C-alpha atoms as a PDB file:
ATOM      1  CA  MET A   1     -14.413 -35.287   5.849  1.00  0.00           C
ATOM      2  CA  SER A   2     -17.301 -37.152   4.200  1.00  0.00           C
ATOM      3  CA  PHE A   3     -16.688 -40.339   2.207  1.00  0.00           C
ATOM      4  CA  LEU A   4     -17.592 -38.651  -1.092  1.00  0.00           C
ATOM      5  CA  ALA A   5     -15.329 -35.717  -0.288  1.00  0.00           C
ATOM      6  CA  GLN A   6     -12.495 -38.121   0.428  1.00  0.00           C
ATOM      7  CA  LEU A   7     -13.023 -39.832  -2.943  1.00  0.00           C
ATOM      8  CA  SER A   8     -13.081 -36.477  -4.704  1.00  0.00           C
ATOM      9  CA  ARG A   9      -9.859 -35.396  -3.011  1.00  0.00           C
ATOM     10  CA  LEU A  10      -8.209 -38.729  -3.802  1.00  0.00           C
ATOM     11  CA  PHE A  11      -9.349 -39.245  -7.402  1.00  0.00           C
ATOM     12  CA  GLY A  12     -10.434 -35.764  -8.465  1.00  0.00           C
ATOM     13  CA  ASN A  13      -8.673 -35.894 -11.851  1.00  0.00           C
ATOM     14  CA  GLY A  14      -9.116 -39.622 -12.486  1.00  0.00           C
ATOM     15  CA  SER A  15      -5.799 -40.655 -10.943  1.00  0.00           C
ATOM     16  CA  PRO A  16      -4.692 -41.161  -7.329  1.00  0.00           C
ATOM     17  CA  ARG A  17      -3.396 -38.069  -5.542  1.00  0.00           C
ATOM     18  CA  ARG A  18      -0.572 -37.953  -3.046  1.00  0.00           C
ATOM     19  CA  GLU A  19      -1.354 -38.289   0.631  1.00  0.00           C
ATOM     20  CA  LEU A  20      -2.477 -35.009   2.162  1.00  0.00           C
ATOM     21  CA  ARG A  21      -0.602 -33.649   5.163  1.00  0.00           C
ATOM     22  CA  ARG A  22      -2.716 -32.265   7.993  1.00  0.00           C
ATOM     23  CA  LEU A  23      -2.118 -28.693   9.173  1.00  0.00           C
ATOM     24  CA  ASN A  24      -4.020 -27.191  12.078  1.00  0.00           C
ATOM     25  CA  ARG A  25      -3.820 -23.582  10.939  1.00  0.00           C
ATOM     26  CA  LEU A  26      -2.587 -21.487   8.020  1.00  0.00           C
ATOM     27  CA  GLU A  27      -2.813 -17.691   7.836  1.00  0.00           C
ATOM     28  CA  LEU A  28      -2.870 -15.293   4.890  1.00  0.00           C
ATOM     29  CA  HIS A  29      -2.319 -11.531   4.945  1.00  0.00           C
ATOM     30  CA  VAL A  30      -4.896 -10.215   2.491  1.00  0.00           C
ATOM     31  CA  THR A  31      -3.329  -6.804   3.091  1.00  0.00           C
ATOM     32  CA  HIS A  32      -0.286  -5.489   4.944  1.00  0.00           C
ATOM     33  CA  ALA A  33      -2.033  -2.209   5.796  1.00  0.00           C
ATOM     34  CA  CYS A  34      -3.745  -1.551   9.117  1.00  0.00           C
ATOM     35  CA  ASN A  35      -5.961   1.213  10.479  1.00  0.00           C
ATOM     36  CA  LEU A  36      -4.549   0.772  14.018  1.00  0.00           C
ATOM     37  CA  ALA A  37      -1.047   1.223  15.416  1.00  0.00           C
ATOM     38  CA  CYS A  38      -0.590  -1.435  18.098  1.00  0.00           C
ATOM     39  CA  GLU A  39       2.839  -1.046  19.652  1.00  0.00           C
ATOM     40  CA  SER A  40       5.104  -4.087  19.135  1.00  0.00           C
ATOM     41  CA  CYS A  41       2.671  -5.811  16.757  1.00  0.00           C
ATOM     42  CA  SER A  42       4.081  -9.219  15.813  1.00  0.00           C
ATOM     43  CA  HIS A  43       3.032  -8.639  12.184  1.00  0.00           C
ATOM     44  CA  TYR A  44       4.719  -5.179  12.146  1.00  0.00           C
ATOM     45  CA  SER A  45       1.352  -3.683  11.206  1.00  0.00           C
ATOM     46  CA  ASN A  46       2.063  -0.609  13.345  1.00  0.00           C
ATOM     47  CA  HIS A  47       4.878   0.395  10.995  1.00  0.00           C
ATOM     48  CA  GLY A  48       2.733   1.811   8.194  1.00  0.00           C
ATOM     49  CA  HIS A  49       3.084  -0.969   5.640  1.00  0.00           C
ATOM     50  CA  ALA A  50       0.798  -1.023   2.612  1.00  0.00           C
ATOM     51  CA  GLY A  51      -0.199  -3.358  -0.179  1.00  0.00           C
ATOM     52  CA  ASN A  52      -3.216  -5.575  -0.873  1.00  0.00           C
ATOM     53  CA  ILE A  53      -2.819  -9.151  -2.068  1.00  0.00           C
ATOM     54  CA  ASP A  54      -4.289  -9.683  -5.520  1.00  0.00           C
ATOM     55  CA  LEU A  55      -6.927 -12.427  -5.672  1.00  0.00           C
ATOM     56  CA  VAL A  56      -5.312 -14.030  -8.707  1.00  0.00           C
ATOM     57  CA  GLU A  57      -1.987 -14.149  -6.905  1.00  0.00           C
ATOM     58  CA  ALA A  58      -3.619 -15.553  -3.771  1.00  0.00           C
ATOM     59  CA  ASP A  59      -5.268 -18.214  -5.925  1.00  0.00           C
ATOM     60  CA  ARG A  60      -1.845 -19.281  -7.244  1.00  0.00           C
ATOM     61  CA  TRP A  61      -0.413 -19.418  -3.732  1.00  0.00           C
ATOM     62  CA  MET A  62      -3.251 -21.615  -2.514  1.00  0.00           C
ATOM     63  CA  ALA A  63      -3.214 -23.853  -5.590  1.00  0.00           C
ATOM     64  CA  ALA A  64       0.442 -24.668  -4.936  1.00  0.00           C
ATOM     65  CA  TRP A  65      -0.543 -26.286  -1.622  1.00  0.00           C
ATOM     66  CA  SER A  66      -4.183 -27.355  -1.788  1.00  0.00           C
ATOM     67  CA  ASP A  67      -3.357 -30.726  -3.321  1.00  0.00           C
ATOM     68  CA  ARG A  68      -0.759 -31.398  -0.595  1.00  0.00           C
ATOM     69  CA  LEU A  69      -2.374 -30.020   2.552  1.00  0.00           C
ATOM     70  CA  GLU A  70      -5.653 -30.316   4.350  1.00  0.00           C
ATOM     71  CA  MET A  71      -6.260 -28.147   7.360  1.00  0.00           C
ATOM     72  CA  GLU A  72      -8.446 -27.457  10.321  1.00  0.00           C
ATOM     73  CA  GLU A  73      -8.472 -23.671   9.936  1.00  0.00           C
ATOM     74  CA  PHE A  74      -7.545 -21.071   7.313  1.00  0.00           C
ATOM     75  CA  CYS A  75      -7.317 -17.490   8.630  1.00  0.00           C
ATOM     76  CA  LEU A  76      -7.726 -14.308   6.629  1.00  0.00           C
ATOM     77  CA  LEU A  77      -6.021 -11.428   8.401  1.00  0.00           C
ATOM     78  CA  GLY A  78      -3.402  -8.720   8.033  1.00  0.00           C
ATOM     79  CA  GLY A  79      -2.635  -5.963   8.663  1.00  0.00           C
ATOM     80  CA  GLU A  80      -6.343  -5.433   8.947  1.00  0.00           C
ATOM     81  CA  PRO A  81      -8.198  -7.587   6.398  1.00  0.00           C
ATOM     82  CA  THR A  82     -11.178  -5.225   6.088  1.00  0.00           C
ATOM     83  CA  VAL A  83      -8.834  -2.650   4.507  1.00  0.00           C
ATOM     84  CA  HIS A  84      -8.899  -4.875   1.399  1.00  0.00           C
ATOM     85  CA  PRO A  85     -11.845  -3.753  -0.772  1.00  0.00           C
ATOM     86  CA  ARG A  86     -12.407  -7.319  -2.037  1.00  0.00           C
ATOM     87  CA  LEU A  87     -12.112  -9.154   1.263  1.00  0.00           C
ATOM     88  CA  SER A  88     -15.373 -11.076   0.855  1.00  0.00           C
ATOM     89  CA  GLU A  89     -14.110 -12.666  -2.391  1.00  0.00           C
ATOM     90  CA  PHE A  90     -11.355 -14.437  -0.483  1.00  0.00           C
ATOM     91  CA  VAL A  91     -13.972 -16.546   1.335  1.00  0.00           C
ATOM     92  CA  PRO A  92     -15.156 -18.602  -1.693  1.00  0.00           C
ATOM     93  CA  LEU A  93     -11.558 -18.721  -2.920  1.00  0.00           C
ATOM     94  CA  VAL A  94     -10.397 -20.447   0.261  1.00  0.00           C
ATOM     95  CA  ARG A  95     -13.445 -22.718   0.226  1.00  0.00           C
ATOM     96  CA  ARG A  96     -12.668 -23.852  -3.331  1.00  0.00           C
ATOM     97  CA  HIS A  97      -9.164 -24.918  -2.327  1.00  0.00           C
ATOM     98  CA  TRP A  98     -10.020 -26.333   1.102  1.00  0.00           C
ATOM     99  CA  PRO A  99     -13.649 -27.568   1.147  1.00  0.00           C
ATOM    100  CA  GLU A 100     -13.527 -28.803   4.751  1.00  0.00           C
ATOM    101  CA  ALA A 101     -11.496 -26.091   6.499  1.00  0.00           C
ATOM    102  CA  ARG A 102     -12.942 -23.606   8.941  1.00  0.00           C
ATOM    103  CA  ILE A 103     -12.477 -20.109   7.496  1.00  0.00           C
ATOM    104  CA  ARG A 104     -11.784 -17.470  10.122  1.00  0.00           C
ATOM    105  CA  ILE A 105     -11.563 -13.721   9.520  1.00  0.00           C
ATOM    106  CA  VAL A 106      -9.474 -12.018  12.200  1.00  0.00           C
ATOM    107  CA  THR A 107     -10.352  -8.328  12.404  1.00  0.00           C
ATOM    108  CA  ASN A 108     -10.373  -5.329  14.705  1.00  0.00           C
ATOM    109  CA  GLY A 109     -13.865  -4.672  13.365  1.00  0.00           C
ATOM    110  CA  PHE A 110     -13.752  -0.950  12.662  1.00  0.00           C
ATOM    111  CA  LEU A 111     -14.164  -1.225   8.875  1.00  0.00           C
ATOM    112  CA  LEU A 112     -16.631  -4.133   8.640  1.00  0.00           C
ATOM    113  CA  ALA A 113     -19.360  -1.840   7.317  1.00  0.00           C
ATOM    114  CA  ARG A 114     -17.390  -1.576   4.071  1.00  0.00           C
ATOM    115  CA  HIS A 115     -18.230  -5.236   3.356  1.00  0.00           C
ATOM    116  CA  PRO A 116     -22.032  -5.719   3.432  1.00  0.00           C
ATOM    117  CA  ASP A 117     -21.745  -8.899   1.357  1.00  0.00           C
ATOM    118  CA  LEU A 118     -19.300 -10.563   3.747  1.00  0.00           C
ATOM    119  CA  PRO A 119     -21.904 -12.349   5.907  1.00  0.00           C
ATOM    120  CA  ILE A 120     -23.663 -13.571   2.749  1.00  0.00           C
ATOM    121  CA  ARG A 121     -20.431 -15.032   1.376  1.00  0.00           C
ATOM    122  CA  MET A 122     -19.616 -16.581   4.731  1.00  0.00           C
ATOM    123  CA  LYS A 123     -23.027 -18.224   5.011  1.00  0.00           C
ATOM    124  CA  ALA A 124     -22.782 -19.590   1.466  1.00  0.00           C
ATOM    125  CA  ALA A 125     -19.337 -21.050   2.145  1.00  0.00           C
ATOM    126  CA  GLY A 126     -20.322 -22.536   5.493  1.00  0.00           C
ATOM    127  CA  ASN A 127     -18.044 -23.250   8.461  1.00  0.00           C
ATOM    128  CA  CYS A 128     -16.903 -19.617   8.682  1.00  0.00           C
ATOM    129  CA  ASP A 129     -16.571 -17.240  11.599  1.00  0.00           C
ATOM    130  CA  ILE A 130     -15.308 -13.814  12.567  1.00  0.00           C
ATOM    131  CA  ALA A 131     -12.724 -13.364  15.326  1.00  0.00           C
ATOM    132  CA  LEU A 132     -13.079  -9.829  16.659  1.00  0.00           C
ATOM    133  CA  SER A 133      -9.837  -8.730  18.309  1.00  0.00           C
ATOM    134  CA  VAL A 134     -10.373  -5.899  20.807  1.00  0.00           C
ATOM    135  CA  HIS A 135      -7.100  -4.033  21.280  1.00  0.00           C
ATOM    136  CA  HIS A 136      -7.982  -1.593  24.058  1.00  0.00           C
ATOM    137  CA  ASP A 137     -10.514  -0.897  26.787  1.00  0.00           C
ATOM    138  CA  ALA A 138     -10.387   2.924  26.710  1.00  0.00           C
ATOM    139  CA  SER A 139     -13.788   4.594  26.448  1.00  0.00           C
ATOM    140  CA  SER A 140     -12.765   6.353  23.223  1.00  0.00           C
ATOM    141  CA  TYR A 141     -11.859   2.994  21.682  1.00  0.00           C
ATOM    142  CA  ARG A 142     -15.088   1.288  22.748  1.00  0.00           C
ATOM    143  CA  GLU A 143     -17.212   4.203  21.576  1.00  0.00           C
ATOM    144  CA  ARG A 144     -15.566   4.075  18.161  1.00  0.00           C
ATOM    145  CA  LEU A 145     -16.075   0.300  18.003  1.00  0.00           C
ATOM    146  CA  GLN A 146     -19.735   0.280  19.083  1.00  0.00           C
ATOM    147  CA  PRO A 147     -21.242   0.745  15.581  1.00  0.00           C
ATOM    148  CA  SER A 148     -19.309  -2.316  14.416  1.00  0.00           C
ATOM    149  CA  MET A 149     -20.486  -4.279  17.439  1.00  0.00           C
ATOM    150  CA  ASP A 150     -24.066  -3.335  16.524  1.00  0.00           C
ATOM    151  CA  LEU A 151     -23.430  -4.384  12.930  1.00  0.00           C
ATOM    152  CA  LEU A 152     -22.095  -7.773  14.022  1.00  0.00           C
ATOM    153  CA  GLU A 153     -25.188  -8.265  16.167  1.00  0.00           C
ATOM    154  CA  ARG A 154     -27.373  -7.658  13.092  1.00  0.00           C
ATOM    155  CA  TRP A 155     -25.294 -10.083  11.039  1.00  0.00           C
ATOM    156  CA  GLN A 156     -25.720 -12.698  13.743  1.00  0.00           C
ATOM    157  CA  LYS A 157     -29.512 -12.274  13.720  1.00  0.00           C
ATOM    158  CA  GLU A 158     -29.983 -11.948   9.962  1.00  0.00           C
ATOM    159  CA  HIS A 159     -27.327 -14.321   8.608  1.00  0.00           C
ATOM    160  CA  GLY A 160     -26.336 -16.542  11.524  1.00  0.00           C
ATOM    161  CA  THR A 161     -22.805 -15.139  11.455  1.00  0.00           C
ATOM    162  CA  VAL A 162     -20.633 -16.718  14.137  1.00  0.00           C
ATOM    163  CA  VAL A 163     -18.576 -14.145  16.060  1.00  0.00           C
ATOM    164  CA  HIS A 164     -15.879 -14.752  18.655  1.00  0.00           C
ATOM    165  CA  THR A 165     -14.525 -11.813  20.658  1.00  0.00           C
ATOM    166  CA  TRP A 166     -10.942 -11.808  21.899  1.00  0.00           C
ATOM    167  CA  LEU A 167      -9.664  -9.193  24.363  1.00  0.00           C
ATOM    168  CA  SER A 168      -6.176  -9.129  22.894  1.00  0.00           C
ATOM    169  CA  HIS A 169      -5.092  -6.032  24.815  1.00  0.00           C
ATOM    170  CA  GLY A 170      -5.183  -8.062  28.024  1.00  0.00           C
ATOM    171  CA  VAL A 171      -2.536 -10.531  26.829  1.00  0.00           C
ATOM    172  CA  TRP A 172      -0.119  -8.151  25.119  1.00  0.00           C
ATOM    173  CA  THR A 173       3.661  -8.646  25.260  1.00  0.00           C
ATOM    174  CA  ARG A 174       6.644  -7.201  23.417  1.00  0.00           C
ATOM    175  CA  ARG A 175       7.710  -9.010  20.279  1.00  0.00           C
ATOM    176  CA  TYR A 176      10.921  -7.002  19.715  1.00  0.00           C
ATOM    177  CA  VAL A 177      12.815  -4.058  21.140  1.00  0.00           C
ATOM    178  CA  GLY A 178      12.083  -0.564  19.791  1.00  0.00           C
ATOM    179  CA  SER A 179      10.483   0.203  16.434  1.00  0.00           C
ATOM    180  CA  GLY A 180      11.267   1.301  12.891  1.00  0.00           C
ATOM    181  CA  ALA A 181      14.956   1.548  12.034  1.00  0.00           C
ATOM    182  CA  ALA A 182      15.788   1.241  15.749  1.00  0.00           C
ATOM    183  CA  MET A 183      13.996  -2.093  16.087  1.00  0.00           C
ATOM    184  CA  LEU A 184      16.176  -4.877  17.513  1.00  0.00           C
ATOM    185  CA  PRO A 185      15.736  -8.593  18.230  1.00  0.00           C
ATOM    186  CA  PHE A 186      15.746  -9.762  21.839  1.00  0.00           C
ATOM    187  CA  GLU A 187      18.366 -12.524  21.442  1.00  0.00           C
ATOM    188  CA  ASP A 188      17.956 -13.889  24.966  1.00  0.00           C
ATOM    189  CA  GLY A 189      19.970 -16.936  23.928  1.00  0.00           C
ATOM    190  CA  ASN A 190      17.265 -19.528  24.614  1.00  0.00           C
ATOM    191  CA  PRO A 191      15.401 -20.305  21.360  1.00  0.00           C
ATOM    192  CA  ARG A 192      13.729 -23.331  22.928  1.00  0.00           C
ATOM    193  CA  ARG A 193      12.144 -21.213  25.624  1.00  0.00           C
ATOM    194  CA  SER A 194      11.258 -18.524  23.067  1.00  0.00           C
ATOM    195  CA  TRP A 195       9.367 -21.130  21.061  1.00  0.00           C
ATOM    196  CA  GLN A 196       7.646 -22.598  24.115  1.00  0.00           C
ATOM    197  CA  ILE A 197       6.079 -19.272  25.123  1.00  0.00           C
ATOM    198  CA  CYS A 198       5.460 -18.041  21.570  1.00  0.00           C
ATOM    199  CA  PRO A 199       1.758 -17.289  20.872  1.00  0.00           C
ATOM    200  CA  ALA A 200       2.451 -17.718  17.135  1.00  0.00           C
ATOM    201  CA  ARG A 201       4.134 -21.118  17.244  1.00  0.00           C
ATOM    202  CA  HIS A 202       1.142 -22.709  15.507  1.00  0.00           C
ATOM    203  CA  CYS A 203       0.382 -19.768  13.167  1.00  0.00           C
ATOM    204  CA  LYS A 204       2.157 -20.555   9.931  1.00  0.00           C
ATOM    205  CA  GLN A 205       1.926 -17.967   7.161  1.00  0.00           C
ATOM    206  CA  LEU A 206       1.217 -18.311   3.437  1.00  0.00           C
ATOM    207  CA  PHE A 207       3.262 -15.527   1.874  1.00  0.00           C
ATOM    208  CA  GLU A 208       4.849 -15.173  -1.564  1.00  0.00           C
ATOM    209  CA  GLY A 209       3.600 -18.678  -2.334  1.00  0.00           C
ATOM    210  CA  LYS A 210       5.693 -20.205   0.454  1.00  0.00           C
ATOM    211  CA  ILE A 211       4.895 -21.337   3.983  1.00  0.00           C
ATOM    212  CA  TRP A 212       6.669 -19.536   6.804  1.00  0.00           C
ATOM    213  CA  LYS A 213       7.117 -20.606  10.393  1.00  0.00           C
ATOM    214  CA  CYS A 214       5.507 -17.455  11.833  1.00  0.00           C
ATOM    215  CA  ALA A 215       4.522 -13.874  11.090  1.00  0.00           C
ATOM    216  CA  PRO A 216       7.628 -12.218  12.605  1.00  0.00           C
ATOM    217  CA  LEU A 217       9.810 -14.147  10.141  1.00  0.00           C
ATOM    218  CA  ALA A 218       7.439 -13.896   7.170  1.00  0.00           C
ATOM    219  CA  TYR A 219       7.110 -10.108   7.212  1.00  0.00           C
ATOM    220  CA  LEU A 220      10.552  -9.169   8.501  1.00  0.00           C
ATOM    221  CA  GLY A 221      11.586  -8.535   4.913  1.00  0.00           C
ATOM    222  CA  LEU A 222       8.954  -5.783   4.683  1.00  0.00           C
ATOM    223  CA  GLN A 223      10.648  -4.109   7.621  1.00  0.00           C
ATOM    224  CA  LYS A 224      14.061  -4.424   5.986  1.00  0.00           C
ATOM    225  CA  THR A 225      12.745  -2.903   2.767  1.00  0.00           C
ATOM    226  CA  LYS A 226      11.187   0.070   4.547  1.00  0.00           C
ATOM    227  CA  TYR A 227      13.803   0.637   7.248  1.00  0.00           C
ATOM    228  CA  ASP A 228      17.562   0.379   7.439  1.00  0.00           C
ATOM    229  CA  LEU A 229      17.499  -2.365  10.053  1.00  0.00           C
ATOM    230  CA  SER A 230      20.497  -3.234  12.182  1.00  0.00           C
ATOM    231  CA  GLU A 231      22.771  -6.011  10.943  1.00  0.00           C
ATOM    232  CA  LYS A 232      21.617  -7.941  14.006  1.00  0.00           C
ATOM    233  CA  TRP A 233      18.589  -8.910  11.925  1.00  0.00           C
ATOM    234  CA  ASP A 234      20.654 -10.438   9.118  1.00  0.00           C
ATOM    235  CA  PRO A 235      20.619 -14.031  10.471  1.00  0.00           C
ATOM    236  CA  TYR A 236      16.833 -13.929  10.710  1.00  0.00           C
ATOM    237  CA  LEU A 237      16.413 -12.340   7.302  1.00  0.00           C
ATOM    238  CA  GLY A 238      18.239 -15.384   5.964  1.00  0.00           C
ATOM    239  CA  TYR A 239      15.463 -17.713   7.158  1.00  0.00           C
ATOM    240  CA  ALA A 240      14.308 -20.096   4.388  1.00  0.00           C
ATOM    241  CA  PRO A 241      10.546 -20.790   4.222  1.00  0.00           C
ATOM    242  CA  LEU A 242       9.041 -23.963   2.779  1.00  0.00           C
ATOM    243  CA  ASP A 243       8.868 -23.828  -1.014  1.00  0.00           C
ATOM    244  CA  PRO A 244       6.097 -25.615  -2.972  1.00  0.00           C
ATOM    245  CA  SER A 245       8.822 -27.669  -4.657  1.00  0.00           C
ATOM    246  CA  ALA A 246       9.674 -29.318  -1.316  1.00  0.00           C
ATOM    247  CA  THR A 247       9.502 -33.094  -1.148  1.00  0.00           C
ATOM    248  CA  ASP A 248       7.027 -34.826   1.135  1.00  0.00           C
ATOM    249  CA  ASP A 249       9.859 -35.649   3.527  1.00  0.00           C
ATOM    250  CA  GLU A 250      10.939 -32.002   3.622  1.00  0.00           C
ATOM    251  CA  LEU A 251       7.360 -30.961   4.220  1.00  0.00           C
ATOM    252  CA  ASP A 252       7.006 -33.436   7.097  1.00  0.00           C
ATOM    253  CA  ARG A 253      10.236 -32.252   8.702  1.00  0.00           C
ATOM    254  CA  PHE A 254       9.152 -28.623   8.386  1.00  0.00           C
ATOM    255  CA  PHE A 255       5.859 -29.215  10.174  1.00  0.00           C
ATOM    256  CA  MET A 256       7.464 -31.331  12.888  1.00  0.00           C
ATOM    257  CA  LEU A 257      10.155 -28.744  13.666  1.00  0.00           C
ATOM    258  CA  GLU A 258       9.658 -26.869  16.916  1.00  0.00           C
ATOM    259  CA  ASP A 259      12.366 -24.439  18.033  1.00  0.00           C
ATOM    260  CA  GLU A 260      15.174 -23.479  15.676  1.00  0.00           C
ATOM    261  CA  PRO A 261      17.880 -20.782  15.657  1.00  0.00           C
ATOM    262  CA  ALA A 262      15.509 -18.187  14.171  1.00  0.00           C
ATOM    263  CA  CYS A 263      13.394 -18.381  17.340  1.00  0.00           C
ATOM    264  CA  ALA A 264      16.190 -16.533  19.149  1.00  0.00           C
ATOM    265  CA  MET A 265      14.954 -13.223  17.709  1.00  0.00           C
ATOM    266  CA  CYS A 266      12.019 -13.299  20.139  1.00  0.00           C
ATOM    267  CA  SER A 267      11.935 -12.973  23.891  1.00  0.00           C
ATOM    268  CA  ALA A 268      12.532 -16.053  26.049  1.00  0.00           C
ATOM    269  CA  GLU A 269      10.150 -14.727  28.700  1.00  0.00           C
ATOM    270  CA  PRO A 270       6.754 -12.992  28.539  1.00  0.00           C
ATOM    271  CA  ARG A 271       7.485  -9.255  28.555  1.00  0.00           C
ATOM    272  CA  LYS A 272       4.158  -7.741  29.551  1.00  0.00           C
ATOM    273  CA  PHE A 273       3.355  -4.103  29.051  1.00  0.00           C
ATOM    274  CA  SER A 274       0.323  -1.836  28.961  1.00  0.00           C
ATOM    275  CA  LEU A 275      -0.635  -1.375  25.342  1.00  0.00           C
ATOM    276  CA  PRO A 276      -1.222   2.309  24.494  1.00  0.00           C
ATOM    277  CA  ASN A 277      -4.479   3.128  22.768  1.00  0.00           C
ATOM    278  CA  PRO A 278      -3.837   2.021  19.153  1.00  0.00           C
ATOM    279  CA  LEU A 279      -6.341   4.428  17.592  1.00  0.00           C
ATOM    280  CA  ARG A 280      -4.163   6.653  15.463  1.00  0.00           C
ATOM    281  CA  GLY A 281      -3.768   9.983  17.244  1.00  0.00           C
ATOM    282  CA  ALA A 282      -5.054   8.614  20.569  1.00  0.00           C
ATOM    283  CA  SER A 283      -3.112   8.967  23.806  1.00  0.00           C
ATOM    284  CA  GLU A 284      -5.340   7.210  26.363  1.00  0.00           C
ATOM    285  CA  SER A 285      -3.754   4.036  27.706  1.00  0.00           C
ATOM    286  CA  ALA A 286      -5.217   0.907  29.229  1.00  0.00           C
ATOM    287  CA  PRO A 287      -4.696  -0.185  32.838  1.00  0.00           C
ATOM    288  CA  GLN A 288      -1.710  -2.471  33.398  1.00  0.00           C
ATOM    289  CA  SER A 289      -2.174  -5.849  31.779  1.00  0.00           C
ATOM    290  CA  THR A 290      -1.728  -8.998  33.835  1.00  0.00           C
ATOM    291  CA  GLY A 291      -1.784 -11.483  30.980  1.00  0.00           C
ATOM    292  CA  SER A 292       0.828 -12.723  28.521  1.00  0.00           C
ATOM    293  CA  SER A 293       0.886 -13.546  24.868  1.00  0.00           C
END
């Protein structure tokens, strides 16, 4: 952070501000809806959830934390963020609250054409990129994705858009047993090991104005609302996220905490499986994955 930026953060309203805590990454669902159906999605996006986050509400959520936290990266995702018709407006909103953070949009790419102003907003904000998550290597999937790949290439040439591609289908593992009302936690009895292998252990969520340890805990309530989940989920539904009213000591303890009892809902070992083609209505599957997530 530049010297002038530091002064602005410290004395922005004419009086000293409290010390900012450093967070590597914070994620925001701009929508809970998704155009794909990836089996065992850790955000439960394959379960047909809906609902876009209002920009005014998102502004309130960010304002509750922007004078207490600085961060390396703020991620806009979902669901699938491009489902939100006003996705591009979230970019300057994040930049206003966190002037120095890298803004990353995590997307499967299929609906990027709906947002022609996105690369313009990203360039104006600076320090932004797109993380394209490829969820399958079937020919039908790649053919459907090709127009978006071509679009991203144009954005790179015309606007300098930075794009990172992640072959997520090659590192896919199960996050829970079953789906819908039959979904169950793993409960392997080793929360420490579950945390150690968790791909989301550094992916805290901003949801309902509070900060949650991970996506599986943050959006479990959506599953409970939609499905009559087993009582085995009750201990995890009782998880308490960090409220904006938390003291600095409580905030420090929250960010220092590694494994905790809630981690027991997830597997204590990488449970690899071949992700079926997530295009809705598709049946073609990928070759067996050798990675883990």
